[in-house]
Amino acid sequence: QVQLVESGGGLVQAGGSLRLSCAASETIFGISTMGWYRQAPGKQRELVATITRGGIRNYAESVKGRFGISRDDARGTVSLQMDSLKPEDTAVYYCNAVIFNKNYWGQGTQVTVSS
């Protein structure tokens, strides 16, 4: 079974930065798209950013210019650098990986941005 473990969440003030990381519990081959999603209380889970195996990045309009996604295939990790954080970024952030046409999810890490 595949385990994705997130880290890096926390509490920051508006304008601050956080870096989220996600790592597979073991070496995994065949990871295609990796990404980050988030879910705020009372709202649906939404896409934040994705990155393909070829390095093509896609961002939600609300985070463009502030967040940066990267991956390290050798380590099987994906990271999300979050700068200029806003209170509306507050949510549980989930790591996602598509492996052989299956979706895998991390347990989620809380990001709270205070005003």
Protein backbone atom coordinates (compact mmCIF):
# COMPACT_ATOMS: atom_id res chain seq x y z
CA GLN A 1 0.00 0.00 0.00
CA VAL A 2 1.10 3.55 -0.72
CA GLN A 3 1.45 6.02 2.12
CA LEU A 4 1.87 9.75 1.52
CA VAL A 5 3.00 11.76 4.52
CA GLU A 6 2.73 15.55 4.62
CA SER A 7 4.67 17.91 6.83
CA GLY A 8 5.26 21.63 7.19
CA GLY A 9 1.83 22.93 8.13
CA GLY A 10 1.37 25.38 10.94
CA LEU A 11 0.22 28.79 12.05
CA VAL A 12 1.53 31.93 10.40
CA GLN A 13 0.54 35.56 10.13
CA ALA A 14 -0.72 37.05 6.90
CA GLY A 15 2.16 37.76 4.57
CA GLY A 16 4.24 34.93 5.97
CA SER A 17 5.51 31.77 4.32
CA LEU A 18 5.30 28.03 4.78
CA ARG A 19 6.74 25.12 2.88
CA LEU A 20 4.77 21.89 2.71
CA SER A 21 6.42 18.61 1.85
CA CYS A 22 5.01 15.22 1.00
CA ALA A 23 6.95 11.98 0.86
CA ALA A 24 6.07 8.44 -0.04
CA SER A 25 6.64 5.83 2.61
CA GLU A 26 8.78 3.86 0.19
CA THR A 27 10.28 4.16 -3.25
CA ILE A 28 7.52 4.29 -5.84
CA PHE A 29 7.97 4.04 -9.57
CA GLY A 30 5.50 5.32 -12.12
CA ILE A 31 4.26 8.44 -10.36
CA SER A 32 2.64 10.69 -12.91
CA THR A 33 0.98 13.88 -11.70
CA MET A 34 1.55 15.02 -8.14
CA GLY A 35 -0.16 17.90 -6.45
CA TRP A 36 -1.70 19.66 -3.53
CA TYR A 37 -5.34 20.18 -2.70
CA ARG A 38 -6.96 21.96 0.19
CA GLN A 39 -10.24 21.95 2.04
CA ALA A 40 -11.55 24.72 4.24
CA PRO A 41 -14.32 24.12 6.80
CA GLY A 42 -17.70 23.80 5.13
CA LYS A 43 -16.22 23.84 1.66
CA GLN A 44 -15.30 21.30 -0.99
CA ARG A 45 -11.77 20.16 -1.57
CA GLU A 46 -10.15 22.24 -4.28
CA LEU A 47 -7.06 21.99 -6.42
CA VAL A 48 -4.18 24.19 -5.36
CA ALA A 49 -1.36 23.13 -7.65
CA THR A 50 -0.23 20.15 -9.69
CA ILE A 51 2.96 19.18 -11.45
CA THR A 52 3.29 16.52 -14.12
CA ARG A 53 6.11 14.06 -14.54
CA GLY A 54 7.46 16.38 -17.23
CA GLY A 55 7.44 19.38 -14.92
CA ILE A 56 4.37 21.15 -16.25
CA ARG A 57 2.78 23.15 -13.47
CA ASN A 58 -0.82 24.15 -12.98
CA TYR A 59 -2.07 26.50 -10.28
CA ALA A 60 -5.40 27.63 -8.99
CA GLU A 61 -5.97 31.24 -9.98
CA SER A 62 -6.13 32.26 -6.34
CA VAL A 63 -2.55 31.15 -5.64
CA LYS A 64 -0.76 32.09 -8.86
CA GLY A 65 2.30 34.17 -8.19
CA ARG A 66 2.36 33.21 -4.52
CA PHE A 67 2.75 29.43 -4.44
CA GLY A 68 5.32 27.26 -6.14
CA ILE A 69 5.15 23.50 -6.57
CA SER A 70 8.15 21.26 -7.14
CA ARG A 71 8.95 17.56 -7.19
CA ASP A 72 11.92 15.30 -6.71
CA ASP A 73 11.36 12.04 -8.53
CA ALA A 74 14.45 10.44 -7.07
CA ARG A 75 13.04 10.92 -3.59
CA GLY A 76 9.39 10.56 -4.53
CA THR A 77 8.49 13.88 -2.97
CA VAL A 78 6.45 16.92 -3.85
CA SER A 79 6.67 20.28 -2.12
CA LEU A 80 4.61 23.44 -2.03
CA GLN A 81 6.29 26.73 -1.24
CA MET A 82 3.66 29.17 -0.03
CA ASP A 83 4.54 32.85 0.14
CA SER A 84 2.47 35.94 0.86
CA LEU A 85 -0.06 33.83 2.69
CA LYS A 86 -3.55 35.19 3.20
CA PRO A 87 -6.23 34.27 5.76
CA GLU A 88 -8.26 32.73 2.95
CA ASP A 89 -5.47 30.20 2.45
CA THR A 90 -6.44 28.64 5.77
CA ALA A 91 -7.36 25.01 5.15
CA VAL A 92 -6.25 21.44 5.50
CA TYR A 93 -3.80 20.74 2.71
CA TYR A 94 -3.64 17.29 1.15
CA CYS A 95 -0.90 15.76 -0.91
CA ASN A 96 -1.99 13.82 -3.98
CA ALA A 97 -0.22 11.46 -6.32
CA VAL A 98 -1.45 9.58 -9.35
CA ILE A 99 0.26 6.22 -9.62
CA PHE A 100 -0.68 3.79 -12.35
CA ASN A 101 -4.04 5.47 -12.83
CA LYS A 102 -4.89 5.46 -9.14
CA ASN A 103 -5.22 8.42 -6.79
CA TYR A 104 -3.42 8.42 -3.47
CA TRP A 105 -3.87 10.96 -0.71
CA GLY A 106 -1.96 12.08 2.32
CA GLN A 107 -3.55 12.50 5.71
CA GLY A 108 -3.64 16.27 5.46
CA THR A 109 -1.77 19.03 7.24
CA GLN A 110 -3.38 22.11 8.75
CA VAL A 111 -2.39 25.55 7.52
CA THR A 112 -3.76 28.49 9.47
CA VAL A 113 -3.10 32.08 8.44
CA SER A 114 -4.03 34.77 10.92
CA SER A 115 -4.79 38.36 10.04
